[in-house]
């Protein structure tokens, strides 16, 4: 009796900011490990999500949106995204159904022209358009690049996502099982906790504030006898005025952020959570190499 071969591979999810890459990853995994918001450039780091087949393992690499980078933090984010396209077995190029091929997508296609791995065109948010518009968009992209597969879907609603995952499996090469079957991501729990706090702040603030915050988990203490995890996290901001907004009148805003984040963290960890948040001003931290390293936004 011949032994069943095991297949595994890395799949980069790339695209412009805010096209739904993290939403798609969460939908594939059936659990939230990547934060989402309606603001561009929410994702800052590469995150690997792990999906298991009966005889294979797909390692999805969620990346920051590819955009014209300004400042050290943004350059780090774009480098993370472009770097994810090397040493992978498949690339998912995610675009929006209700947006025609523009300069940002053309820039990414030029990067893909240099790639030797198969590329899927993933057209997200198909619920926003009618079939004739979808066909026109498919033709527009297909004339520009030879895609291995073209898959329309809705990451938010789930339509087409299962089909996409099924289409991916035959493209995976024979390889090892990189992670145990019960692990969903390569990121430690502390990283995801910090990201969930940042997500809640991004959703409740506007203008430049969401892009000037960083979150660092300083204490993560498990108390199994009480079915409890005690977490203390520091929110770094660049301006005194930003701190006032995030703390809110009488501490109301930071309490709401903490309550919302705690619910997601409890779902993630499967236990009760006591979450305490602090806010500190670190002027222009996003341009400070030391601070970027401390918060995990530097390759050095």
C-alpha atoms as a PDB file:
ATOM      1  CA  UNK A   1       0.000   0.000   0.000  1.00  0.00           C
ATOM      2  CA  UNK A   2       1.497   3.321  -1.080  1.00  0.00           C
ATOM      3  CA  UNK A   3       1.805   6.068   1.481  1.00  0.00           C
ATOM      4  CA  UNK A   4      -0.349   9.141   0.877  1.00  0.00           C
ATOM      5  CA  UNK A   5       1.829  12.114  -0.025  1.00  0.00           C
ATOM      6  CA  UNK A   6       1.552  15.225   2.137  1.00  0.00           C
ATOM      7  CA  UNK A   7       1.387  18.638   0.426  1.00  0.00           C
ATOM      8  CA  UNK A   8       2.216  21.992   1.975  1.00  0.00           C
ATOM      9  CA  UNK A   9       3.026  25.473   0.819  1.00  0.00           C
ATOM     10  CA  UNK A  10       3.061  29.183   1.511  1.00  0.00           C
ATOM     11  CA  UNK A  11       0.452  31.438  -0.081  1.00  0.00           C
ATOM     12  CA  UNK A  12       0.882  35.232  -0.024  1.00  0.00           C
ATOM     13  CA  UNK A  13      -2.277  37.349   0.098  1.00  0.00           C
ATOM     14  CA  UNK A  14      -1.425  40.714  -1.466  1.00  0.00           C
ATOM     15  CA  UNK A  15      -3.257  43.791  -2.703  1.00  0.00           C
ATOM     16  CA  UNK A  16      -3.800  47.482  -2.143  1.00  0.00           C
ATOM     17  CA  UNK A  17      -4.753  48.707   1.340  1.00  0.00           C
ATOM     18  CA  UNK A  18      -8.269  47.979   2.558  1.00  0.00           C
ATOM     19  CA  UNK A  19      -9.295  45.436  -0.096  1.00  0.00           C
ATOM     20  CA  UNK A  20     -10.187  42.767   2.487  1.00  0.00           C
ATOM     21  CA  UNK A  21      -7.026  40.666   2.875  1.00  0.00           C
ATOM     22  CA  UNK A  22      -7.357  40.212   6.645  1.00  0.00           C
ATOM     23  CA  UNK A  23     -11.098  39.585   6.381  1.00  0.00           C
ATOM     24  CA  UNK A  24     -10.379  36.842   3.847  1.00  0.00           C
ATOM     25  CA  UNK A  25      -7.757  35.225   6.078  1.00  0.00           C
ATOM     26  CA  UNK A  26     -10.122  35.220   9.065  1.00  0.00           C
ATOM     27  CA  UNK A  27     -12.863  33.685   6.906  1.00  0.00           C
ATOM     28  CA  UNK A  28     -10.531  30.913   5.663  1.00  0.00           C
ATOM     29  CA  UNK A  29      -9.513  30.024   9.219  1.00  0.00           C
ATOM     30  CA  UNK A  30     -12.949  30.390  10.762  1.00  0.00           C
ATOM     31  CA  UNK A  31     -11.482  32.482  13.577  1.00  0.00           C
ATOM     32  CA  UNK A  32     -10.210  36.025  13.960  1.00  0.00           C
ATOM     33  CA  UNK A  33      -6.423  36.251  14.063  1.00  0.00           C
ATOM     34  CA  UNK A  34      -5.950  39.312  11.827  1.00  0.00           C
ATOM     35  CA  UNK A  35      -7.500  42.659  12.741  1.00  0.00           C
ATOM     36  CA  UNK A  36      -9.759  44.554  10.370  1.00  0.00           C
ATOM     37  CA  UNK A  37     -11.140  48.068  10.062  1.00  0.00           C
ATOM     38  CA  UNK A  38     -12.469  50.327   7.325  1.00  0.00           C
ATOM     39  CA  UNK A  39      -9.228  52.325   7.432  1.00  0.00           C
ATOM     40  CA  UNK A  40      -6.376  51.631   4.994  1.00  0.00           C
ATOM     41  CA  UNK A  41      -3.091  50.200   6.281  1.00  0.00           C
ATOM     42  CA  UNK A  42      -4.651  48.455   9.268  1.00  0.00           C
ATOM     43  CA  UNK A  43      -2.322  45.453   8.901  1.00  0.00           C
ATOM     44  CA  UNK A  44       1.314  46.277   9.705  1.00  0.00           C
ATOM     45  CA  UNK A  45       3.026  42.898  10.014  1.00  0.00           C
ATOM     46  CA  UNK A  46       3.043  39.706   8.034  1.00  0.00           C
ATOM     47  CA  UNK A  47       0.803  37.153   9.731  1.00  0.00           C
ATOM     48  CA  UNK A  48       0.668  33.476   8.817  1.00  0.00           C
ATOM     49  CA  UNK A  49      -2.680  31.716   9.065  1.00  0.00           C
ATOM     50  CA  UNK A  50      -2.630  27.914   8.984  1.00  0.00           C
ATOM     51  CA  UNK A  51      -5.312  25.898   7.183  1.00  0.00           C
ATOM     52  CA  UNK A  52      -5.170  22.094   7.259  1.00  0.00           C
ATOM     53  CA  UNK A  53      -6.396  19.686   4.590  1.00  0.00           C
ATOM     54  CA  UNK A  54      -6.682  15.928   5.239  1.00  0.00           C
ATOM     55  CA  UNK A  55      -3.361  15.434   3.425  1.00  0.00           C
ATOM     56  CA  UNK A  56      -1.922  18.922   3.348  1.00  0.00           C
ATOM     57  CA  UNK A  57      -1.314  22.263   5.014  1.00  0.00           C
ATOM     58  CA  UNK A  58      -1.716  25.727   3.498  1.00  0.00           C
ATOM     59  CA  UNK A  59       0.153  28.588   5.132  1.00  0.00           C
ATOM     60  CA  UNK A  60      -1.547  31.865   4.218  1.00  0.00           C
ATOM     61  CA  UNK A  61       0.599  34.975   4.610  1.00  0.00           C
ATOM     62  CA  UNK A  62      -1.526  38.067   5.297  1.00  0.00           C
ATOM     63  CA  UNK A  63       0.378  41.211   4.334  1.00  0.00           C
ATOM     64  CA  UNK A  64       0.074  44.996   4.724  1.00  0.00           C
ATOM     65  CA  UNK A  65      -1.473  46.809   1.786  1.00  0.00           C
ATOM     66  CA  UNK A  66       1.008  47.792  -0.919  1.00  0.00           C
ATOM     67  CA  UNK A  67       1.071  51.577  -1.256  1.00  0.00           C
ATOM     68  CA  UNK A  68       3.456  54.489  -1.751  1.00  0.00           C
ATOM     69  CA  UNK A  69       5.347  54.492   1.518  1.00  0.00           C
ATOM     70  CA  UNK A  70       6.014  57.660   3.497  1.00  0.00           C
ATOM     71  CA  UNK A  71       7.993  57.423   6.728  1.00  0.00           C
ATOM     72  CA  UNK A  72       9.801  54.556   8.405  1.00  0.00           C
ATOM     73  CA  UNK A  73       6.715  52.700   9.611  1.00  0.00           C
ATOM     74  CA  UNK A  74       5.058  52.741   6.184  1.00  0.00           C
ATOM     75  CA  UNK A  75       8.272  51.641   4.481  1.00  0.00           C
ATOM     76  CA  UNK A  76       8.477  48.717   6.893  1.00  0.00           C
ATOM     77  CA  UNK A  77       4.878  47.764   6.054  1.00  0.00           C
ATOM     78  CA  UNK A  78       5.402  47.824   2.292  1.00  0.00           C
ATOM     79  CA  UNK A  79       8.680  45.900   2.611  1.00  0.00           C
ATOM     80  CA  UNK A  80       6.773  43.248   4.570  1.00  0.00           C
ATOM     81  CA  UNK A  81       4.210  42.911   1.773  1.00  0.00           C
ATOM     82  CA  UNK A  82       6.670  42.820  -1.110  1.00  0.00           C
ATOM     83  CA  UNK A  83       8.978  40.480   0.784  1.00  0.00           C
ATOM     84  CA  UNK A  84       6.094  38.031   1.242  1.00  0.00           C
ATOM     85  CA  UNK A  85       5.997  37.478  -2.528  1.00  0.00           C
ATOM     86  CA  UNK A  86       9.408  35.816  -2.482  1.00  0.00           C
ATOM     87  CA  UNK A  87       9.809  32.196  -1.417  1.00  0.00           C
ATOM     88  CA  UNK A  88       6.098  31.395  -1.654  1.00  0.00           C
ATOM     89  CA  UNK A  89       4.364  28.727  -3.725  1.00  0.00           C
ATOM     90  CA  UNK A  90       1.307  30.725  -4.715  1.00  0.00           C
ATOM     91  CA  UNK A  91       0.138  34.348  -4.690  1.00  0.00           C
ATOM     92  CA  UNK A  92      -3.435  35.523  -4.179  1.00  0.00           C
ATOM     93  CA  UNK A  93      -3.828  38.999  -5.699  1.00  0.00           C
ATOM     94  CA  UNK A  94      -6.902  40.517  -4.059  1.00  0.00           C
ATOM     95  CA  UNK A  95      -8.834  43.314  -5.782  1.00  0.00           C
ATOM     96  CA  UNK A  96     -12.219  44.940  -5.206  1.00  0.00           C
ATOM     97  CA  UNK A  97     -15.115  44.100  -7.519  1.00  0.00           C
ATOM     98  CA  UNK A  98     -16.481  47.643  -7.455  1.00  0.00           C
ATOM     99  CA  UNK A  99     -13.182  49.281  -8.450  1.00  0.00           C
ATOM    100  CA  UNK A 100     -11.597  49.196 -11.905  1.00  0.00           C
ATOM    101  CA  UNK A 101      -7.932  48.443 -12.567  1.00  0.00           C
ATOM    102  CA  UNK A 102      -6.039  51.564 -11.498  1.00  0.00           C
ATOM    103  CA  UNK A 103      -2.539  52.815 -10.813  1.00  0.00           C
ATOM    104  CA  UNK A 104      -2.172  51.010  -7.476  1.00  0.00           C
ATOM    105  CA  UNK A 105      -3.145  47.649  -8.975  1.00  0.00           C
ATOM    106  CA  UNK A 106      -0.943  48.279 -12.014  1.00  0.00           C
ATOM    107  CA  UNK A 107       2.026  48.823  -9.692  1.00  0.00           C
ATOM    108  CA  UNK A 108       1.363  45.440  -8.053  1.00  0.00           C
ATOM    109  CA  UNK A 109       0.957  43.743 -11.436  1.00  0.00           C
ATOM    110  CA  UNK A 110       4.395  45.022 -12.444  1.00  0.00           C
ATOM    111  CA  UNK A 111       5.794  43.345  -9.321  1.00  0.00           C
ATOM    112  CA  UNK A 112       3.958  40.155 -10.269  1.00  0.00           C
ATOM    113  CA  UNK A 113       5.438  40.288 -13.782  1.00  0.00           C
ATOM    114  CA  UNK A 114       8.769  39.450 -12.120  1.00  0.00           C
ATOM    115  CA  UNK A 115       7.353  36.484 -10.188  1.00  0.00           C
ATOM    116  CA  UNK A 116       7.674  32.887 -11.370  1.00  0.00           C
ATOM    117  CA  UNK A 117       4.961  31.386  -9.124  1.00  0.00           C
ATOM    118  CA  UNK A 118       1.268  30.929 -10.012  1.00  0.00           C
ATOM    119  CA  UNK A 119      -1.001  33.881  -9.245  1.00  0.00           C
ATOM    120  CA  UNK A 120      -4.735  33.709  -8.495  1.00  0.00           C
ATOM    121  CA  UNK A 121      -6.821  36.800  -9.162  1.00  0.00           C
ATOM    122  CA  UNK A 122      -9.255  37.037  -6.236  1.00  0.00           C
ATOM    123  CA  UNK A 123     -12.081  39.483  -6.887  1.00  0.00           C
ATOM    124  CA  UNK A 124     -13.569  40.430  -3.515  1.00  0.00           C
ATOM    125  CA  UNK A 125     -16.878  42.117  -2.629  1.00  0.00           C
ATOM    126  CA  UNK A 126     -18.827  40.597  -5.543  1.00  0.00           C
ATOM    127  CA  UNK A 127     -22.047  41.365  -3.677  1.00  0.00           C
ATOM    128  CA  UNK A 128     -21.533  45.035  -4.585  1.00  0.00           C
ATOM    129  CA  UNK A 129     -21.797  44.606  -8.384  1.00  0.00           C
ATOM    130  CA  UNK A 130     -23.885  42.903 -11.083  1.00  0.00           C
ATOM    131  CA  UNK A 131     -22.620  40.020 -13.286  1.00  0.00           C
ATOM    132  CA  UNK A 132     -21.924  42.158 -16.420  1.00  0.00           C
ATOM    133  CA  UNK A 133     -19.621  44.407 -14.362  1.00  0.00           C
ATOM    134  CA  UNK A 134     -17.831  41.359 -12.979  1.00  0.00           C
ATOM    135  CA  UNK A 135     -17.249  39.898 -16.442  1.00  0.00           C
ATOM    136  CA  UNK A 136     -15.876  43.214 -17.662  1.00  0.00           C
ATOM    137  CA  UNK A 137     -13.472  43.387 -14.726  1.00  0.00           C
ATOM    138  CA  UNK A 138     -12.289  39.812 -15.267  1.00  0.00           C
ATOM    139  CA  UNK A 139     -11.587  40.598 -18.915  1.00  0.00           C
ATOM    140  CA  UNK A 140      -9.730  43.780 -17.976  1.00  0.00           C
ATOM    141  CA  UNK A 141      -7.369  41.961 -15.609  1.00  0.00           C
ATOM    142  CA  UNK A 142      -6.995  38.847 -17.784  1.00  0.00           C
ATOM    143  CA  UNK A 143      -5.800  40.967 -20.696  1.00  0.00           C
ATOM    144  CA  UNK A 144      -3.098  42.411 -18.469  1.00  0.00           C
ATOM    145  CA  UNK A 145      -1.799  39.249 -16.735  1.00  0.00           C
ATOM    146  CA  UNK A 146      -2.000  35.479 -17.190  1.00  0.00           C
ATOM    147  CA  UNK A 147      -3.596  34.298 -13.946  1.00  0.00           C
ATOM    148  CA  UNK A 148      -3.596  30.632 -12.969  1.00  0.00           C
ATOM    149  CA  UNK A 149      -7.161  31.009 -11.647  1.00  0.00           C
ATOM    150  CA  UNK A 150      -9.740  33.784 -11.382  1.00  0.00           C
ATOM    151  CA  UNK A 151     -12.066  33.465  -8.391  1.00  0.00           C
ATOM    152  CA  UNK A 152     -14.836  35.948  -7.492  1.00  0.00           C
ATOM    153  CA  UNK A 153     -15.903  35.845  -3.851  1.00  0.00           C
ATOM    154  CA  UNK A 154     -17.135  37.740  -0.825  1.00  0.00           C
ATOM    155  CA  UNK A 155     -14.677  37.539   2.066  1.00  0.00           C
ATOM    156  CA  UNK A 156     -17.194  39.139   4.395  1.00  0.00           C
ATOM    157  CA  UNK A 157     -20.147  36.955   3.449  1.00  0.00           C
ATOM    158  CA  UNK A 158     -18.169  33.814   2.684  1.00  0.00           C
ATOM    159  CA  UNK A 159     -19.495  33.202  -0.857  1.00  0.00           C
ATOM    160  CA  UNK A 160     -16.799  31.573  -3.006  1.00  0.00           C
ATOM    161  CA  UNK A 161     -14.216  31.233  -0.221  1.00  0.00           C
ATOM    162  CA  UNK A 162     -14.559  27.459   0.132  1.00  0.00           C
ATOM    163  CA  UNK A 163     -14.195  27.055  -3.626  1.00  0.00           C
ATOM    164  CA  UNK A 164     -11.018  29.168  -3.533  1.00  0.00           C
ATOM    165  CA  UNK A 165      -9.512  27.000  -0.782  1.00  0.00           C
ATOM    166  CA  UNK A 166     -10.329  23.855  -2.780  1.00  0.00           C
ATOM    167  CA  UNK A 167      -8.678  25.337  -5.887  1.00  0.00           C
ATOM    168  CA  UNK A 168      -5.522  26.073  -3.895  1.00  0.00           C
ATOM    169  CA  UNK A 169      -4.792  22.506  -2.732  1.00  0.00           C
ATOM    170  CA  UNK A 170      -3.632  21.106  -6.130  1.00  0.00           C
ATOM    171  CA  UNK A 171      -1.083  23.941  -6.397  1.00  0.00           C
ATOM    172  CA  UNK A 172       0.678  22.969  -3.170  1.00  0.00           C
ATOM    173  CA  UNK A 173       3.924  21.052  -3.658  1.00  0.00           C
ATOM    174  CA  UNK A 174       4.831  17.939  -1.733  1.00  0.00           C
ATOM    175  CA  UNK A 175       6.224  19.066   1.603  1.00  0.00           C
ATOM    176  CA  UNK A 176       6.260  18.694   5.378  1.00  0.00           C
ATOM    177  CA  UNK A 177       3.639  19.575   7.965  1.00  0.00           C
ATOM    178  CA  UNK A 178       5.129  22.833   9.247  1.00  0.00           C
ATOM    179  CA  UNK A 179       2.791  23.282  12.225  1.00  0.00           C
ATOM    180  CA  UNK A 180       0.693  20.981  14.417  1.00  0.00           C
ATOM    181  CA  UNK A 181      -2.887  20.613  13.239  1.00  0.00           C
ATOM    182  CA  UNK A 182      -4.371  22.543  16.163  1.00  0.00           C
ATOM    183  CA  UNK A 183      -2.394  25.768  15.570  1.00  0.00           C
ATOM    184  CA  UNK A 184      -4.009  28.605  13.580  1.00  0.00           C
ATOM    185  CA  UNK A 185      -1.152  31.121  13.343  1.00  0.00           C
ATOM    186  CA  UNK A 186       2.583  31.546  13.758  1.00  0.00           C
ATOM    187  CA  UNK A 187       2.068  34.651  15.879  1.00  0.00           C
ATOM    188  CA  UNK A 188       2.205  34.435  19.692  1.00  0.00           C
ATOM    189  CA  UNK A 189      -0.922  35.191  21.696  1.00  0.00           C
ATOM    190  CA  UNK A 190       0.592  38.423  23.026  1.00  0.00           C
ATOM    191  CA  UNK A 191       0.946  39.759  19.467  1.00  0.00           C
ATOM    192  CA  UNK A 192      -2.700  39.034  18.606  1.00  0.00           C
ATOM    193  CA  UNK A 193      -3.876  40.545  21.900  1.00  0.00           C
ATOM    194  CA  UNK A 194      -1.993  43.776  21.135  1.00  0.00           C
ATOM    195  CA  UNK A 195      -3.474  43.817  17.630  1.00  0.00           C
ATOM    196  CA  UNK A 196      -7.021  43.371  18.934  1.00  0.00           C
ATOM    197  CA  UNK A 197      -6.580  46.383  21.217  1.00  0.00           C
ATOM    198  CA  UNK A 198      -5.208  48.414  18.291  1.00  0.00           C
ATOM    199  CA  UNK A 199      -8.162  47.384  16.146  1.00  0.00           C
ATOM    200  CA  UNK A 200     -10.688  48.731  18.645  1.00  0.00           C
ATOM    201  CA  UNK A 201      -8.870  52.065  18.826  1.00  0.00           C
ATOM    202  CA  UNK A 202      -8.669  52.298  15.023  1.00  0.00           C
ATOM    203  CA  UNK A 203     -12.398  51.714  14.742  1.00  0.00           C
ATOM    204  CA  UNK A 204     -13.219  54.437  17.277  1.00  0.00           C
ATOM    205  CA  UNK A 205     -10.814  57.181  16.158  1.00  0.00           C
ATOM    206  CA  UNK A 206     -10.336  59.201  12.994  1.00  0.00           C
ATOM    207  CA  UNK A 207      -7.938  61.304  10.931  1.00  0.00           C
ATOM    208  CA  UNK A 208      -4.277  60.695  11.779  1.00  0.00           C
ATOM    209  CA  UNK A 209      -4.833  59.140  15.208  1.00  0.00           C
ATOM    210  CA  UNK A 210      -5.233  55.483  14.079  1.00  0.00           C
ATOM    211  CA  UNK A 211      -1.896  55.618  12.268  1.00  0.00           C
ATOM    212  CA  UNK A 212      -0.026  57.054  15.255  1.00  0.00           C
ATOM    213  CA  UNK A 213      -0.809  54.321  17.753  1.00  0.00           C
ATOM    214  CA  UNK A 214       1.170  51.242  18.722  1.00  0.00           C
ATOM    215  CA  UNK A 215       0.221  48.675  21.349  1.00  0.00           C
ATOM    216  CA  UNK A 216       2.576  46.610  23.484  1.00  0.00           C
ATOM    217  CA  UNK A 217       1.542  43.851  25.910  1.00  0.00           C
ATOM    218  CA  UNK A 218       3.653  44.321  29.022  1.00  0.00           C
ATOM    219  CA  UNK A 219       2.105  41.686  31.311  1.00  0.00           C
ATOM    220  CA  UNK A 220       0.485  38.381  30.326  1.00  0.00           C
ATOM    221  CA  UNK A 221      -0.118  36.301  33.442  1.00  0.00           C
ATOM    222  CA  UNK A 222      -2.043  33.041  33.297  1.00  0.00           C
ATOM    223  CA  UNK A 223      -3.969  31.959  36.394  1.00  0.00           C
ATOM    224  CA  UNK A 224      -5.411  28.547  35.481  1.00  0.00           C
ATOM    225  CA  UNK A 225      -6.753  27.927  38.978  1.00  0.00           C
ATOM    226  CA  UNK A 226      -9.067  30.928  38.428  1.00  0.00           C
ATOM    227  CA  UNK A 227      -9.657  30.307  34.690  1.00  0.00           C
ATOM    228  CA  UNK A 228      -8.223  33.797  34.181  1.00  0.00           C
ATOM    229  CA  UNK A 229      -5.534  35.636  32.220  1.00  0.00           C
ATOM    230  CA  UNK A 230      -4.393  39.032  33.533  1.00  0.00           C
ATOM    231  CA  UNK A 231      -3.133  41.350  30.786  1.00  0.00           C
ATOM    232  CA  UNK A 232      -1.641  44.832  30.979  1.00  0.00           C
ATOM    233  CA  UNK A 233      -1.008  46.658  27.714  1.00  0.00           C
ATOM    234  CA  UNK A 234       0.511  50.032  26.866  1.00  0.00           C
ATOM    235  CA  UNK A 235      -0.946  52.162  24.073  1.00  0.00           C
ATOM    236  CA  UNK A 236       1.746  54.411  22.574  1.00  0.00           C
ATOM    237  CA  UNK A 237       0.644  57.671  20.924  1.00  0.00           C
ATOM    238  CA  UNK A 238       2.583  60.492  19.294  1.00  0.00           C
ATOM    239  CA  UNK A 239       0.738  63.553  20.637  1.00  0.00           C
ATOM    240  CA  UNK A 240      -0.703  64.753  23.963  1.00  0.00           C
ATOM    241  CA  UNK A 241      -3.894  65.626  22.095  1.00  0.00           C
ATOM    242  CA  UNK A 242      -4.147  62.041  20.835  1.00  0.00           C
ATOM    243  CA  UNK A 243      -3.812  60.711  24.371  1.00  0.00           C
ATOM    244  CA  UNK A 244      -6.695  62.916  25.531  1.00  0.00           C
ATOM    245  CA  UNK A 245      -8.932  61.570  22.764  1.00  0.00           C
ATOM    246  CA  UNK A 246      -8.053  57.907  23.363  1.00  0.00           C
ATOM    247  CA  UNK A 247      -8.444  58.192  27.139  1.00  0.00           C
ATOM    248  CA  UNK A 248     -11.659  60.187  26.690  1.00  0.00           C
ATOM    249  CA  UNK A 249     -13.600  62.248  29.178  1.00  0.00           C
ATOM    250  CA  UNK A 250     -13.327  60.606  32.580  1.00  0.00           C
ATOM    251  CA  UNK A 251     -11.547  57.647  30.935  1.00  0.00           C
ATOM    252  CA  UNK A 252     -14.701  56.676  29.033  1.00  0.00           C
ATOM    253  CA  UNK A 253     -13.078  55.960  25.639  1.00  0.00           C
ATOM    254  CA  UNK A 254     -10.300  53.728  26.962  1.00  0.00           C
ATOM    255  CA  UNK A 255     -12.852  51.799  29.063  1.00  0.00           C
ATOM    256  CA  UNK A 256     -14.990  51.112  25.989  1.00  0.00           C
ATOM    257  CA  UNK A 257     -11.919  50.059  23.982  1.00  0.00           C
ATOM    258  CA  UNK A 258     -10.908  47.726  26.801  1.00  0.00           C
ATOM    259  CA  UNK A 259     -14.373  46.174  27.062  1.00  0.00           C
ATOM    260  CA  UNK A 260     -14.577  45.551  23.308  1.00  0.00           C
ATOM    261  CA  UNK A 261     -11.044  44.141  23.110  1.00  0.00           C
ATOM    262  CA  UNK A 262     -11.574  41.917  26.145  1.00  0.00           C
ATOM    263  CA  UNK A 263     -14.529  40.149  24.491  1.00  0.00           C
ATOM    264  CA  UNK A 264     -12.432  39.240  21.425  1.00  0.00           C
ATOM    265  CA  UNK A 265      -9.460  38.218  23.581  1.00  0.00           C
ATOM    266  CA  UNK A 266     -11.656  35.921  25.671  1.00  0.00           C
ATOM    267  CA  UNK A 267     -12.915  34.253  22.496  1.00  0.00           C
ATOM    268  CA  UNK A 268      -9.323  33.866  21.305  1.00  0.00           C
ATOM    269  CA  UNK A 269      -7.954  32.437  24.560  1.00  0.00           C
ATOM    270  CA  UNK A 270     -11.038  30.520  25.669  1.00  0.00           C
ATOM    271  CA  UNK A 271     -10.811  31.873  29.202  1.00  0.00           C
ATOM    272  CA  UNK A 272     -11.811  34.878  31.301  1.00  0.00           C
ATOM    273  CA  UNK A 273      -9.598  37.931  30.842  1.00  0.00           C
ATOM    274  CA  UNK A 274      -8.797  40.907  33.036  1.00  0.00           C
ATOM    275  CA  UNK A 275      -7.463  43.596  30.696  1.00  0.00           C
ATOM    276  CA  UNK A 276      -5.903  46.844  31.887  1.00  0.00           C
ATOM    277  CA  UNK A 277      -4.892  49.507  29.369  1.00  0.00           C
ATOM    278  CA  UNK A 278      -2.524  52.449  29.807  1.00  0.00           C
ATOM    279  CA  UNK A 279      -1.756  55.298  27.377  1.00  0.00           C
ATOM    280  CA  UNK A 280       1.655  56.950  27.034  1.00  0.00           C
ATOM    281  CA  UNK A 281       2.915  59.741  24.779  1.00  0.00           C
ATOM    282  CA  UNK A 282       6.082  58.876  22.837  1.00  0.00           C
ATOM    283  CA  UNK A 283       6.538  61.816  20.502  1.00  0.00           C
ATOM    284  CA  UNK A 284       6.963  60.758  16.851  1.00  0.00           C
ATOM    285  CA  UNK A 285       7.533  57.120  17.865  1.00  0.00           C
ATOM    286  CA  UNK A 286       6.728  55.923  14.319  1.00  0.00           C
ATOM    287  CA  UNK A 287       9.946  57.626  13.106  1.00  0.00           C
ATOM    288  CA  UNK A 288      12.052  56.350  16.013  1.00  0.00           C
ATOM    289  CA  UNK A 289      14.116  53.248  15.189  1.00  0.00           C
ATOM    290  CA  UNK A 290      14.302  52.097  18.815  1.00  0.00           C
ATOM    291  CA  UNK A 291      10.539  52.357  19.312  1.00  0.00           C
ATOM    292  CA  UNK A 292       9.868  50.626  16.002  1.00  0.00           C
ATOM    293  CA  UNK A 293      12.054  47.720  17.117  1.00  0.00           C
ATOM    294  CA  UNK A 294      10.325  47.506  20.497  1.00  0.00           C
ATOM    295  CA  UNK A 295       6.915  47.378  18.864  1.00  0.00           C
ATOM    296  CA  UNK A 296       7.988  44.846  16.243  1.00  0.00           C
ATOM    297  CA  UNK A 297       7.961  47.208  13.269  1.00  0.00           C
ATOM    298  CA  UNK A 298      11.598  46.906  12.281  1.00  0.00           C
ATOM    299  CA  UNK A 299      13.617  44.174  10.592  1.00  0.00           C
ATOM    300  CA  UNK A 300      16.724  45.118  12.578  1.00  0.00           C
END
